[in-house]
Amino acid sequence: MGKRKWLLLISGIFLVAALVAGCGSVTGKAANTAAQDTFTYAMSGQYRPFNYYDSNKQLTGFDVEIGKALAEKMGMKPEPRAMPWEGLISALKAKKFDAILGSMTITPEREKEVAFSDPYYISGPELFVRKDSSIKSIKDIKKNTPVGVLISSVYDKEARQYSNNVKNYTSDITALQDLSHGRVDAVITDRFVGRMAAGEQKLDIKPVGGLIFVERVGIAFRKGDPLREKVNKALAEIKADGNYRQISEKYFNTDISKP
């Protein structure tokens, strides 16, 4: 083979190698872009009507739909996920997903670990008791009164201020069912969750005493994550264009972004 042909062959080999490497680089970049174009958000999946599994075993509820609306505004694909409530913050910090969009109350303790969005709804807990109970408000709770609450929730801390007999549950609905069957004497849970469970499941329970306190509920992110600001912008947009109100009224017949 002549020197000229040899040089052409070598040049061709390098050109093919460069093209292959370039394609690999583009493929990798596309994969990274695809990953960034997906908004993955987590919840317990056991907090009806905010997040739960429907009859087709699909995640649905207010939180799920708000997440989809936010993703659409950001030009991303929504991907809701469910996992145990008590492990959500640890999993977020371990980068298992982008955000916790699962009705998490903003508290000073949690703000030490995560960064919250602007509040996306306002709610609060109520005390639920059986319909034949003599308990009229949380002030009637005694030190030995069995009270049910969701594990690792702000309600657990509240319950322990009144009772030394607090029973933890992995689901608010299970706690309310136990209340109806007399296994506990009271349950502290979100007003919307308790009232919907009482109606849909025909539980022998009722709310008493009004709101115990007002909660601001936010979307949790890893500290320093720029996605937080994008979500805040998208949240303001879906409130302004009426999409938020439409979703809220579907589940609650009112706009729960307001006190």
C-alpha atoms as a PDB file:
ATOM      1  CA  MET A   1       0.000   0.000   0.000  1.00  0.00           C
ATOM      2  CA  GLY A   2       1.332   3.426  -0.969  1.00  0.00           C
ATOM      3  CA  LYS A   3       2.084   6.075   1.599  1.00  0.00           C
ATOM      4  CA  ARG A   4      -0.784   8.253   0.326  1.00  0.00           C
ATOM      5  CA  LYS A   5      -3.332   5.431   0.615  1.00  0.00           C
ATOM      6  CA  TRP A   6      -2.016   4.561   4.066  1.00  0.00           C
ATOM      7  CA  LEU A   7      -2.489   8.132   5.271  1.00  0.00           C
ATOM      8  CA  LEU A   8      -6.013   8.231   3.828  1.00  0.00           C
ATOM      9  CA  LEU A   9      -6.862   4.983   5.613  1.00  0.00           C
ATOM     10  CA  ILE A  10      -5.541   6.273   8.938  1.00  0.00           C
ATOM     11  CA  SER A  11      -7.452   9.545   8.498  1.00  0.00           C
ATOM     12  CA  GLY A  12     -10.621   7.599   7.763  1.00  0.00           C
ATOM     13  CA  ILE A  13     -10.224   5.516  10.907  1.00  0.00           C
ATOM     14  CA  PHE A  14      -9.787   8.622  13.062  1.00  0.00           C
ATOM     15  CA  LEU A  15     -12.805  10.263  11.399  1.00  0.00           C
ATOM     16  CA  VAL A  16     -15.042   7.268  12.116  1.00  0.00           C
ATOM     17  CA  ALA A  17     -13.784   7.131  15.711  1.00  0.00           C
ATOM     18  CA  ALA A  18     -14.513  10.814  16.162  1.00  0.00           C
ATOM     19  CA  LEU A  19     -18.017  10.413  14.771  1.00  0.00           C
ATOM     20  CA  VAL A  20     -18.725   7.461  17.051  1.00  0.00           C
ATOM     21  CA  ALA A  21     -17.430   9.373  20.059  1.00  0.00           C
ATOM     22  CA  GLY A  22     -19.517  12.362  19.046  1.00  0.00           C
ATOM     23  CA  CYS A  23     -22.633  10.233  18.787  1.00  0.00           C
ATOM     24  CA  GLY A  24     -21.935   8.775  22.199  1.00  0.00           C
ATOM     25  CA  SER A  25     -21.599  12.253  23.623  1.00  0.00           C
ATOM     26  CA  VAL A  26     -24.887  13.373  22.087  1.00  0.00           C
ATOM     27  CA  THR A  27     -26.632  10.250  23.328  1.00  0.00           C
ATOM     28  CA  GLY A  28     -25.349  10.868  26.841  1.00  0.00           C
ATOM     29  CA  LYS A  29     -26.415  14.483  26.711  1.00  0.00           C
ATOM     30  CA  ALA A  30     -29.864  13.494  25.467  1.00  0.00           C
ATOM     31  CA  ALA A  31     -30.206  11.020  28.306  1.00  0.00           C
ATOM     32  CA  ASN A  32     -29.265  13.686  30.816  1.00  0.00           C
ATOM     33  CA  THR A  33     -31.687  16.143  29.270  1.00  0.00           C
ATOM     34  CA  ALA A  34     -34.440  13.536  29.321  1.00  0.00           C
ATOM     35  CA  ALA A  35     -33.800  12.938  33.009  1.00  0.00           C
ATOM     36  CA  GLN A  36     -33.993  16.664  33.735  1.00  0.00           C
ATOM     37  CA  ASP A  37     -37.192  16.940  31.727  1.00  0.00           C
ATOM     38  CA  THR A  38     -38.978  14.642  34.185  1.00  0.00           C
ATOM     39  CA  PHE A  39     -40.387  16.073  37.405  1.00  0.00           C
ATOM     40  CA  THR A  40     -40.359  13.227  39.927  1.00  0.00           C
ATOM     41  CA  TYR A  41     -42.301  13.963  43.104  1.00  0.00           C
ATOM     42  CA  ALA A  42     -43.062  11.706  46.041  1.00  0.00           C
ATOM     43  CA  MET A  43     -45.852  11.199  48.556  1.00  0.00           C
ATOM     44  CA  SER A  44     -47.195   8.481  50.842  1.00  0.00           C
ATOM     45  CA  GLY A  45     -50.065   7.457  48.578  1.00  0.00           C
ATOM     46  CA  GLN A  46     -52.205   6.964  51.695  1.00  0.00           C
ATOM     47  CA  TYR A  47     -53.616  10.434  52.271  1.00  0.00           C
ATOM     48  CA  ARG A  48     -56.962  10.610  50.523  1.00  0.00           C
ATOM     49  CA  PRO A  49     -58.087  12.968  48.966  1.00  0.00           C
ATOM     50  CA  PHE A  50     -54.626  14.511  48.595  1.00  0.00           C
ATOM     51  CA  ASN A  51     -52.794  11.424  47.349  1.00  0.00           C
ATOM     52  CA  TYR A  52     -54.000   7.834  47.087  1.00  0.00           C
ATOM     53  CA  TYR A  53     -54.405   4.877  44.728  1.00  0.00           C
ATOM     54  CA  ASP A  54     -57.572   4.688  42.645  1.00  0.00           C
ATOM     55  CA  SER A  55     -59.416   1.505  41.628  1.00  0.00           C
ATOM     56  CA  ASN A  56     -56.932   1.032  38.773  1.00  0.00           C
ATOM     57  CA  LYS A  57     -54.016   1.187  41.221  1.00  0.00           C
ATOM     58  CA  GLN A  58     -52.893   4.530  39.821  1.00  0.00           C
ATOM     59  CA  LEU A  59     -51.738   7.397  42.037  1.00  0.00           C
ATOM     60  CA  THR A  60     -54.269  10.195  42.022  1.00  0.00           C
ATOM     61  CA  GLY A  61     -55.562  13.014  44.201  1.00  0.00           C
ATOM     62  CA  PHE A  62     -55.057  16.739  44.692  1.00  0.00           C
ATOM     63  CA  ASP A  63     -51.273  16.499  45.209  1.00  0.00           C
ATOM     64  CA  VAL A  64     -50.845  14.316  42.129  1.00  0.00           C
ATOM     65  CA  GLU A  65     -52.835  16.671  39.906  1.00  0.00           C
ATOM     66  CA  ILE A  66     -51.057  19.768  41.211  1.00  0.00           C
ATOM     67  CA  GLY A  67     -47.756  18.050  40.404  1.00  0.00           C
ATOM     68  CA  LYS A  68     -48.931  17.348  36.867  1.00  0.00           C
ATOM     69  CA  ALA A  69     -50.027  20.963  36.401  1.00  0.00           C
ATOM     70  CA  LEU A  70     -46.664  22.244  37.654  1.00  0.00           C
ATOM     71  CA  ALA A  71     -44.759  19.846  35.393  1.00  0.00           C
ATOM     72  CA  GLU A  72     -46.766  21.004  32.381  1.00  0.00           C
ATOM     73  CA  LYS A  73     -45.935  24.653  33.128  1.00  0.00           C
ATOM     74  CA  MET A  74     -42.240  23.764  33.376  1.00  0.00           C
ATOM     75  CA  GLY A  75     -42.315  21.720  30.169  1.00  0.00           C
ATOM     76  CA  MET A  76     -41.573  18.521  32.045  1.00  0.00           C
ATOM     77  CA  LYS A  77     -43.077  15.060  32.242  1.00  0.00           C
ATOM     78  CA  PRO A  78     -44.741  14.401  35.641  1.00  0.00           C
ATOM     79  CA  GLU A  79     -43.757  11.265  37.527  1.00  0.00           C
ATOM     80  CA  PRO A  80     -45.482  10.825  40.911  1.00  0.00           C
ATOM     81  CA  ARG A  81     -44.129   8.156  43.250  1.00  0.00           C
ATOM     82  CA  ALA A  82     -45.252   6.686  46.567  1.00  0.00           C
ATOM     83  CA  MET A  83     -43.206   5.508  49.517  1.00  0.00           C
ATOM     84  CA  PRO A  84     -43.600   5.372  53.320  1.00  0.00           C
ATOM     85  CA  TRP A  85     -44.165   8.823  54.808  1.00  0.00           C
ATOM     86  CA  GLU A  86     -41.481   8.516  57.480  1.00  0.00           C
ATOM     87  CA  GLY A  87     -38.771   7.916  54.847  1.00  0.00           C
ATOM     88  CA  LEU A  88     -39.616  10.739  52.449  1.00  0.00           C
ATOM     89  CA  ILE A  89     -37.100  13.347  53.625  1.00  0.00           C
ATOM     90  CA  SER A  90     -34.226  10.848  53.785  1.00  0.00           C
ATOM     91  CA  ALA A  91     -35.047   9.619  50.280  1.00  0.00           C
ATOM     92  CA  LEU A  92     -35.222  13.194  48.962  1.00  0.00           C
ATOM     93  CA  LYS A  93     -31.798  14.002  50.387  1.00  0.00           C
ATOM     94  CA  ALA A  94     -30.489  10.775  48.818  1.00  0.00           C
ATOM     95  CA  LYS A  95     -31.706  12.067  45.416  1.00  0.00           C
ATOM     96  CA  LYS A  96     -34.291   9.325  44.895  1.00  0.00           C
ATOM     97  CA  PHE A  97     -36.645  11.938  43.394  1.00  0.00           C
ATOM     98  CA  ASP A  98     -36.838  15.702  42.808  1.00  0.00           C
ATOM     99  CA  ALA A  99     -39.348  16.819  45.415  1.00  0.00           C
ATOM    100  CA  ILE A 100     -41.833  15.835  48.092  1.00  0.00           C
ATOM    101  CA  LEU A 101     -45.261  16.915  46.929  1.00  0.00           C
ATOM    102  CA  GLY A 102     -47.300  15.041  49.483  1.00  0.00           C
ATOM    103  CA  SER A 103     -49.024  17.453  51.858  1.00  0.00           C
ATOM    104  CA  MET A 104     -45.977  18.163  54.017  1.00  0.00           C
ATOM    105  CA  THR A 105     -46.451  20.925  56.581  1.00  0.00           C
ATOM    106  CA  ILE A 106     -43.743  23.587  56.665  1.00  0.00           C
ATOM    107  CA  THR A 107     -42.090  23.510  60.104  1.00  0.00           C
ATOM    108  CA  PRO A 108     -38.854  24.984  61.511  1.00  0.00           C
ATOM    109  CA  GLU A 109     -37.562  21.455  62.183  1.00  0.00           C
ATOM    110  CA  ARG A 110     -38.094  20.349  58.588  1.00  0.00           C
ATOM    111  CA  GLU A 111     -36.645  23.588  57.225  1.00  0.00           C
ATOM    112  CA  LYS A 112     -33.334  22.581  58.785  1.00  0.00           C
ATOM    113  CA  GLU A 113     -33.227  19.608  56.411  1.00  0.00           C
ATOM    114  CA  VAL A 114     -35.022  20.717  53.244  1.00  0.00           C
ATOM    115  CA  ALA A 115     -36.026  23.862  51.347  1.00  0.00           C
ATOM    116  CA  PHE A 116     -39.746  24.451  50.908  1.00  0.00           C
ATOM    117  CA  SER A 117     -41.602  26.092  48.054  1.00  0.00           C
ATOM    118  CA  ASP A 118     -44.142  28.803  48.656  1.00  0.00           C
ATOM    119  CA  PRO A 119     -47.171  27.245  50.400  1.00  0.00           C
ATOM    120  CA  TYR A 120     -49.435  25.503  47.906  1.00  0.00           C
ATOM    121  CA  TYR A 121     -52.345  25.103  50.287  1.00  0.00           C
ATOM    122  CA  ILE A 122     -53.529  26.116  53.737  1.00  0.00           C
ATOM    123  CA  SER A 123     -55.225  23.657  56.057  1.00  0.00           C
ATOM    124  CA  GLY A 124     -55.077  22.427  59.630  1.00  0.00           C
ATOM    125  CA  PRO A 125     -55.834  19.496  61.903  1.00  0.00           C
ATOM    126  CA  GLU A 126     -59.062  18.726  63.687  1.00  0.00           C
ATOM    127  CA  LEU A 127     -59.768  16.342  66.524  1.00  0.00           C
ATOM    128  CA  PHE A 128     -62.028  13.460  65.511  1.00  0.00           C
ATOM    129  CA  VAL A 129     -63.931  11.348  68.039  1.00  0.00           C
ATOM    130  CA  ARG A 130     -66.753   8.809  67.928  1.00  0.00           C
ATOM    131  CA  LYS A 131     -70.217  10.271  67.609  1.00  0.00           C
ATOM    132  CA  ASP A 132     -71.164   9.122  71.124  1.00  0.00           C
ATOM    133  CA  SER A 133     -67.997  10.564  72.718  1.00  0.00           C
ATOM    134  CA  SER A 134     -68.154  13.100  75.535  1.00  0.00           C
ATOM    135  CA  ILE A 135     -64.970  14.769  74.230  1.00  0.00           C
ATOM    136  CA  LYS A 136     -65.838  18.249  72.933  1.00  0.00           C
ATOM    137  CA  SER A 137     -62.378  19.626  72.121  1.00  0.00           C
ATOM    138  CA  ILE A 138     -58.705  18.804  72.416  1.00  0.00           C
ATOM    139  CA  LYS A 139     -58.738  20.327  75.914  1.00  0.00           C
ATOM    140  CA  ASP A 140     -60.841  17.346  77.032  1.00  0.00           C
ATOM    141  CA  ILE A 141     -58.032  14.910  76.182  1.00  0.00           C
ATOM    142  CA  LYS A 142     -56.607  13.348  79.363  1.00  0.00           C
ATOM    143  CA  LYS A 143     -53.112  11.992  79.942  1.00  0.00           C
ATOM    144  CA  ASN A 144     -54.333   8.408  79.547  1.00  0.00           C
ATOM    145  CA  THR A 145     -56.648   9.025  76.559  1.00  0.00           C
ATOM    146  CA  PRO A 146     -55.630   6.793  73.613  1.00  0.00           C
ATOM    147  CA  VAL A 147     -55.039   9.107  70.646  1.00  0.00           C
ATOM    148  CA  GLY A 148     -54.173   7.978  67.115  1.00  0.00           C
ATOM    149  CA  VAL A 149     -51.917   9.979  64.775  1.00  0.00           C
ATOM    150  CA  LEU A 150     -49.801   9.503  61.670  1.00  0.00           C
ATOM    151  CA  ILE A 151     -46.217   8.509  62.492  1.00  0.00           C
ATOM    152  CA  SER A 152     -43.579  11.258  62.036  1.00  0.00           C
ATOM    153  CA  SER A 153     -46.285  13.891  61.525  1.00  0.00           C
ATOM    154  CA  VAL A 154     -46.738  17.281  63.162  1.00  0.00           C
ATOM    155  CA  TYR A 155     -49.878  15.824  64.724  1.00  0.00           C
ATOM    156  CA  ASP A 156     -47.821  13.358  66.747  1.00  0.00           C
ATOM    157  CA  LYS A 157     -46.067  16.194  68.553  1.00  0.00           C
ATOM    158  CA  GLU A 158     -49.392  17.945  69.151  1.00  0.00           C
ATOM    159  CA  ALA A 159     -51.036  14.801  70.552  1.00  0.00           C
ATOM    160  CA  ARG A 160     -48.207  14.209  73.031  1.00  0.00           C
ATOM    161  CA  GLN A 161     -48.816  17.617  74.595  1.00  0.00           C
ATOM    162  CA  TYR A 162     -52.130  16.261  75.878  1.00  0.00           C
ATOM    163  CA  SER A 163     -51.793  12.476  76.117  1.00  0.00           C
ATOM    164  CA  ASN A 164     -49.147   9.966  77.171  1.00  0.00           C
ATOM    165  CA  ASN A 165     -51.049   7.251  75.322  1.00  0.00           C
ATOM    166  CA  VAL A 166     -50.371   8.078  71.666  1.00  0.00           C
ATOM    167  CA  LYS A 167     -50.640   5.348  69.034  1.00  0.00           C
ATOM    168  CA  ASN A 168     -48.778   5.822  65.751  1.00  0.00           C
ATOM    169  CA  TYR A 169     -50.186   4.743  62.402  1.00  0.00           C
ATOM    170  CA  THR A 170     -48.695   4.549  58.912  1.00  0.00           C
ATOM    171  CA  SER A 171     -51.998   5.812  57.478  1.00  0.00           C
ATOM    172  CA  ASP A 172     -54.471   8.425  58.720  1.00  0.00           C
ATOM    173  CA  ILE A 173     -57.319   6.380  57.261  1.00  0.00           C
ATOM    174  CA  THR A 174     -56.371   3.329  59.339  1.00  0.00           C
ATOM    175  CA  ALA A 175     -56.289   5.517  62.456  1.00  0.00           C
ATOM    176  CA  LEU A 176     -59.778   6.839  61.700  1.00  0.00           C
ATOM    177  CA  GLN A 177     -61.077   3.311  61.107  1.00  0.00           C
ATOM    178  CA  ASP A 178     -59.659   2.232  64.466  1.00  0.00           C
ATOM    179  CA  LEU A 179     -61.353   5.232  66.066  1.00  0.00           C
ATOM    180  CA  SER A 180     -64.695   4.199  64.603  1.00  0.00           C
ATOM    181  CA  HIS A 181     -64.189   0.669  65.983  1.00  0.00           C
ATOM    182  CA  GLY A 182     -63.243   1.912  69.454  1.00  0.00           C
ATOM    183  CA  ARG A 183     -59.548   1.020  69.399  1.00  0.00           C
ATOM    184  CA  VAL A 184     -58.599   4.639  70.179  1.00  0.00           C
ATOM    185  CA  ASP A 185     -60.701   7.447  71.654  1.00  0.00           C
ATOM    186  CA  ALA A 186     -59.549  10.260  69.369  1.00  0.00           C
ATOM    187  CA  VAL A 187     -57.562  10.952  66.207  1.00  0.00           C
ATOM    188  CA  ILE A 188     -55.830  14.145  65.124  1.00  0.00           C
ATOM    189  CA  THR A 189     -55.671  14.515  61.347  1.00  0.00           C
ATOM    190  CA  ASP A 190     -56.144  17.041  58.559  1.00  0.00           C
ATOM    191  CA  ARG A 191     -59.672  18.425  58.449  1.00  0.00           C
ATOM    192  CA  PHE A 192     -60.205  17.461  54.804  1.00  0.00           C
ATOM    193  CA  VAL A 193     -58.830  13.941  55.244  1.00  0.00           C
ATOM    194  CA  GLY A 194     -60.952  13.235  58.306  1.00  0.00           C
ATOM    195  CA  ARG A 195     -64.178  14.635  56.929  1.00  0.00           C
ATOM    196  CA  MET A 196     -63.849  12.818  53.599  1.00  0.00           C
ATOM    197  CA  ALA A 197     -63.025   9.504  55.295  1.00  0.00           C
ATOM    198  CA  ALA A 198     -66.006   9.882  57.625  1.00  0.00           C
ATOM    199  CA  GLY A 199     -68.351  10.467  54.699  1.00  0.00           C
ATOM    200  CA  GLU A 200     -67.009   8.004  52.149  1.00  0.00           C
ATOM    201  CA  GLN A 201     -66.495   5.122  54.570  1.00  0.00           C
ATOM    202  CA  LYS A 202     -69.527   5.925  56.717  1.00  0.00           C
ATOM    203  CA  LEU A 203     -67.383   5.933  59.853  1.00  0.00           C
ATOM    204  CA  ASP A 204     -69.049   6.544  63.203  1.00  0.00           C
ATOM    205  CA  ILE A 205     -66.925   9.628  63.893  1.00  0.00           C
ATOM    206  CA  LYS A 206     -67.212  13.414  63.979  1.00  0.00           C
ATOM    207  CA  PRO A 207     -64.892  16.456  64.202  1.00  0.00           C
ATOM    208  CA  VAL A 208     -65.006  18.517  67.388  1.00  0.00           C
ATOM    209  CA  GLY A 209     -63.564  21.818  68.552  1.00  0.00           C
ATOM    210  CA  GLY A 210     -62.642  23.361  65.198  1.00  0.00           C
ATOM    211  CA  LEU A 211     -59.124  23.764  63.796  1.00  0.00           C
ATOM    212  CA  ILE A 212     -56.380  23.086  66.334  1.00  0.00           C
ATOM    213  CA  PHE A 213     -53.929  25.264  64.402  1.00  0.00           C
ATOM    214  CA  VAL A 214     -53.377  26.512  60.842  1.00  0.00           C
ATOM    215  CA  GLU A 215     -50.871  24.719  58.607  1.00  0.00           C
ATOM    216  CA  ARG A 216     -48.936  26.044  55.632  1.00  0.00           C
ATOM    217  CA  VAL A 217     -48.190  23.151  53.310  1.00  0.00           C
ATOM    218  CA  GLY A 218     -45.256  23.261  50.889  1.00  0.00           C
ATOM    219  CA  ILE A 219     -43.276  21.253  48.359  1.00  0.00           C
ATOM    220  CA  ALA A 220     -39.923  20.091  49.747  1.00  0.00           C
ATOM    221  CA  PHE A 221     -36.644  20.211  47.795  1.00  0.00           C
ATOM    222  CA  ARG A 222     -33.008  19.553  48.523  1.00  0.00           C
ATOM    223  CA  LYS A 223     -31.342  22.720  49.781  1.00  0.00           C
ATOM    224  CA  GLY A 224     -29.818  24.750  46.971  1.00  0.00           C
ATOM    225  CA  ASP A 225     -31.810  23.012  44.221  1.00  0.00           C
ATOM    226  CA  PRO A 226     -32.664  25.586  41.494  1.00  0.00           C
ATOM    227  CA  LEU A 227     -35.778  23.558  40.667  1.00  0.00           C
ATOM    228  CA  ARG A 228     -37.434  25.145  43.700  1.00  0.00           C
ATOM    229  CA  GLU A 229     -37.583  28.565  42.033  1.00  0.00           C
ATOM    230  CA  LYS A 230     -38.940  27.051  38.810  1.00  0.00           C
ATOM    231  CA  VAL A 231     -41.702  25.360  40.781  1.00  0.00           C
ATOM    232  CA  ASN A 232     -42.520  28.577  42.653  1.00  0.00           C
ATOM    233  CA  LYS A 233     -42.893  30.352  39.303  1.00  0.00           C
ATOM    234  CA  ALA A 234     -45.067  27.556  37.920  1.00  0.00           C
ATOM    235  CA  LEU A 235     -47.180  27.553  41.094  1.00  0.00           C
ATOM    236  CA  ALA A 236     -47.862  31.281  40.757  1.00  0.00           C
ATOM    237  CA  GLU A 237     -48.825  30.737  37.119  1.00  0.00           C
ATOM    238  CA  ILE A 238     -51.349  27.946  37.760  1.00  0.00           C
ATOM    239  CA  LYS A 239     -52.931  30.074  40.489  1.00  0.00           C
ATOM    240  CA  ALA A 240     -53.153  33.047  38.131  1.00  0.00           C
ATOM    241  CA  ASP A 241     -54.615  31.144  35.159  1.00  0.00           C
ATOM    242  CA  GLY A 242     -57.309  29.366  37.183  1.00  0.00           C
ATOM    243  CA  ASN A 243     -55.889  25.853  36.844  1.00  0.00           C
ATOM    244  CA  TYR A 244     -55.145  25.586  40.560  1.00  0.00           C
ATOM    245  CA  ARG A 245     -58.651  26.644  41.547  1.00  0.00           C
ATOM    246  CA  GLN A 246     -60.171  24.142  39.123  1.00  0.00           C
ATOM    247  CA  ILE A 247     -58.193  21.262  40.660  1.00  0.00           C
ATOM    248  CA  SER A 248     -58.932  22.434  44.203  1.00  0.00           C
ATOM    249  CA  GLU A 249     -62.672  22.738  43.612  1.00  0.00           C
ATOM    250  CA  LYS A 250     -62.726  19.255  42.083  1.00  0.00           C
ATOM    251  CA  TYR A 251     -61.665  17.771  45.422  1.00  0.00           C
ATOM    252  CA  PHE A 252     -62.815  20.288  48.037  1.00  0.00           C
ATOM    253  CA  ASN A 253     -65.422  22.575  46.422  1.00  0.00           C
ATOM    254  CA  THR A 254     -63.261  25.539  47.416  1.00  0.00           C
ATOM    255  CA  ASP A 255     -59.865  27.144  46.801  1.00  0.00           C
ATOM    256  CA  ILE A 256     -57.653  25.735  49.559  1.00  0.00           C
ATOM    257  CA  SER A 257     -54.747  28.049  48.754  1.00  0.00           C
ATOM    258  CA  LYS A 258     -56.539  30.580  50.946  1.00  0.00           C
ATOM    259  CA  PRO A 259     -57.134  30.353  54.729  1.00  0.00           C
END
